[in-house]
Amino acid sequence: MRALIQLALSGLLGLTASSVAAQTLQQTRHVVLAINNVDRYGPHLADAANRSLYMFTADQQATGNMPAVSRCNDACAEVWPPVITTQPVRTETGMDDKLIGTVQRPDGSTQLTFGGWPVYYYLRDQKVGYVGGQGVNEFGGLWYLLSPSGEPMKSIPKQ
């Protein structure tokens, strides 16, 4: 009965399980970057909790005088929550701090960039260490893991 009431309240408030989970991921404010090393994919960018991080080919990568632009908003950002930070980002040893940056999102929040690419979680990565978003074609572009050098890992096949 309690679960039914909670579900009904969520429906009344316009919340879905995915939007609640996306909001939880978006509430990450202090980010520590790490390198995850899954056998099939090799070393790729993750957070300190070992959650894989992705880039979106429809985004604009920051290069030279061109700023990064995130094009994943609304429904896209529910499935691919942006990595939001309000504090300086820390890294594990062996990572180049010069690859870290930020981009202002339309809602005013600050999203992490790495290698010039806006960075996202994947809501369907249900467990720590999952890499289910690799090669997904969704919301007008492809999603890839980022290498420790900030490059999209395009040659790695979809899981």
Protein backbone atom coordinates (compact mmCIF):
# COMPACT_ATOMS: atom_id res chain seq x y z
CA MET A 1 0.00 0.00 0.00
CA ARG A 2 2.83 2.40 0.90
CA ALA A 3 4.53 1.76 -2.46
CA LEU A 4 1.23 2.39 -4.24
CA ILE A 5 0.80 5.72 -2.45
CA GLN A 6 4.37 6.73 -3.31
CA LEU A 7 3.81 5.76 -6.94
CA ALA A 8 0.55 7.74 -7.03
CA LEU A 9 2.25 10.78 -5.49
CA SER A 10 5.09 10.52 -8.00
CA GLY A 11 2.52 10.44 -10.80
CA LEU A 12 0.72 13.47 -9.39
CA LEU A 13 3.96 15.39 -9.11
CA GLY A 14 4.97 14.47 -12.66
CA LEU A 15 7.92 12.43 -11.49
CA THR A 16 8.95 9.15 -13.04
CA ALA A 17 11.47 6.64 -11.74
CA SER A 18 13.86 7.73 -14.48
CA SER A 19 13.48 11.45 -13.71
CA VAL A 20 14.07 10.84 -10.00
CA ALA A 21 17.20 8.82 -10.79
CA ALA A 22 18.37 11.47 -13.27
CA GLN A 23 17.87 14.19 -10.67
CA THR A 24 19.89 12.14 -8.17
CA LEU A 25 22.80 11.85 -10.64
CA GLN A 26 22.54 15.53 -11.54
CA GLN A 27 22.83 16.49 -7.88
CA THR A 28 26.49 15.43 -7.92
CA ARG A 29 28.27 18.65 -7.11
CA HIS A 30 31.78 17.57 -6.12
CA VAL A 31 33.20 15.43 -8.90
CA VAL A 32 36.29 13.25 -8.68
CA LEU A 33 37.35 11.79 -12.02
CA ALA A 34 38.90 8.35 -12.26
CA ILE A 35 39.89 5.80 -14.87
CA ASN A 36 37.77 2.67 -15.17
CA ASN A 37 39.40 -0.32 -16.84
CA VAL A 38 36.80 -2.78 -18.11
CA ASP A 39 38.47 -5.62 -20.01
CA ARG A 40 36.40 -5.26 -23.17
CA TYR A 41 36.73 -1.48 -23.39
CA GLY A 42 40.03 -0.72 -21.72
CA PRO A 43 40.72 2.44 -19.74
CA HIS A 44 37.98 5.07 -19.92
CA LEU A 45 36.71 8.04 -17.94
CA ALA A 46 34.59 7.37 -14.85
CA ASP A 47 33.76 9.08 -11.59
CA ALA A 48 35.21 8.04 -8.23
CA ALA A 49 32.22 5.70 -7.70
CA ASN A 50 33.28 3.91 -10.93
CA ARG A 51 30.26 5.13 -12.94
CA SER A 52 31.20 5.36 -16.62
CA LEU A 53 31.09 8.79 -18.27
CA TYR A 54 30.13 9.52 -21.87
CA MET A 55 30.26 12.16 -24.61
CA PHE A 56 27.58 12.94 -27.22
CA THR A 57 28.46 13.42 -30.91
CA ALA A 58 25.68 16.02 -31.36
CA ASP A 59 27.42 18.28 -28.83
CA GLN A 60 30.02 20.82 -29.86
CA GLN A 61 33.51 20.09 -28.56
CA ALA A 62 35.43 23.10 -27.23
CA THR A 63 38.34 23.81 -29.57
CA GLY A 64 40.45 26.94 -29.86
CA ASN A 65 38.07 29.89 -29.49
CA MET A 66 34.94 27.74 -29.88
CA PRO A 67 33.26 26.91 -26.55
CA ALA A 68 31.71 23.56 -25.78
CA VAL A 69 27.96 23.37 -26.34
CA SER A 70 25.70 20.76 -24.75
CA ARG A 71 22.77 19.79 -26.95
CA CYS A 72 21.32 17.21 -24.57
CA ASN A 73 18.42 18.82 -22.71
CA ASP A 74 14.94 17.93 -21.48
CA ALA A 75 14.10 14.25 -22.25
CA CYS A 76 17.67 13.62 -23.36
CA ALA A 77 19.06 14.89 -20.04
CA GLU A 78 16.72 12.54 -18.18
CA VAL A 79 18.27 9.50 -19.87
CA TRP A 80 21.77 11.01 -20.11
CA PRO A 81 22.13 13.20 -16.99
CA PRO A 82 24.87 15.79 -17.39
CA VAL A 83 27.71 15.71 -14.86
CA ILE A 84 27.02 18.89 -12.90
CA THR A 85 29.58 20.44 -10.61
CA THR A 86 29.78 23.52 -8.41
CA GLN A 87 33.21 22.72 -6.95
CA PRO A 88 36.65 22.28 -8.51
CA VAL A 89 36.96 18.85 -10.10
CA ARG A 90 39.60 16.51 -8.71
CA THR A 91 41.32 13.72 -10.60
CA GLU A 92 43.14 10.54 -9.77
CA THR A 93 46.84 10.43 -10.54
CA GLY A 94 47.79 9.92 -14.14
CA MET A 95 45.10 12.19 -15.57
CA ASP A 96 45.81 15.51 -17.29
CA ASP A 97 44.04 18.30 -15.40
CA LYS A 98 44.29 20.50 -18.52
CA LEU A 99 41.57 18.35 -20.12
CA ILE A 100 39.03 19.43 -17.49
CA GLY A 101 36.67 22.30 -18.16
CA THR A 102 33.05 23.36 -17.80
CA VAL A 103 30.19 24.62 -19.90
CA GLN A 104 27.15 26.63 -18.83
CA ARG A 105 23.86 24.78 -19.46
CA PRO A 106 20.60 26.52 -20.48
CA ASP A 107 19.26 26.02 -16.93
CA GLY A 108 22.26 27.91 -15.50
CA SER A 109 24.01 24.85 -14.05
CA THR A 110 27.66 24.12 -14.76
CA GLN A 111 28.45 20.90 -16.63
CA LEU A 112 31.82 19.17 -16.60
CA THR A 113 33.72 18.90 -19.87
CA PHE A 114 36.66 16.61 -20.53
CA GLY A 115 38.82 16.99 -23.61
CA GLY A 116 36.41 19.75 -24.60
CA TRP A 117 33.38 17.41 -24.60
CA PRO A 118 30.40 17.90 -22.25
CA VAL A 119 30.24 14.80 -20.01
CA TYR A 120 27.22 12.66 -19.10
CA TYR A 121 26.13 9.64 -17.09
CA TYR A 122 23.86 7.01 -18.64
CA LEU A 123 20.73 6.31 -16.62
CA ARG A 124 20.52 2.71 -17.86
CA ASP A 125 23.96 1.88 -16.43
CA GLN A 126 22.21 0.29 -13.47
CA LYS A 127 25.33 -0.91 -11.65
CA VAL A 128 28.70 0.60 -10.96
CA GLY A 129 31.15 -0.25 -13.74
CA TYR A 130 28.48 -0.81 -16.42
CA VAL A 131 29.18 0.60 -19.87
CA GLY A 132 25.80 0.10 -21.53
CA GLY A 133 25.81 3.49 -23.22
CA GLN A 134 28.78 2.76 -25.50
CA GLY A 135 27.79 3.24 -29.12
CA VAL A 136 24.13 3.99 -28.37
CA ASN A 137 22.39 6.00 -31.12
CA GLU A 138 19.88 8.18 -29.31
CA PHE A 139 18.57 11.77 -29.29
CA GLY A 140 20.17 12.66 -32.61
CA GLY A 141 23.70 11.42 -32.05
CA LEU A 142 25.98 8.65 -30.88
CA TRP A 143 27.24 8.22 -27.32
CA TYR A 144 30.78 7.10 -26.57
CA LEU A 145 33.01 6.51 -23.60
CA LEU A 146 35.87 8.99 -23.26
CA SER A 147 39.47 7.83 -23.15
CA PRO A 148 41.81 9.18 -20.42
CA SER A 149 43.23 11.46 -23.15
CA GLY A 150 39.77 13.00 -23.76
CA GLU A 151 39.09 11.30 -27.09
CA PRO A 152 35.78 9.54 -27.87
CA MET A 153 36.29 5.78 -27.96
CA LYS A 154 34.51 5.33 -31.31
CA SER A 155 36.34 2.22 -32.43
CA ILE A 156 35.13 0.23 -29.42
CA PRO A 157 31.99 -1.75 -30.31
CA LYS A 158 28.65 -1.40 -28.59
CA GLN A 159 28.19 -3.79 -25.67
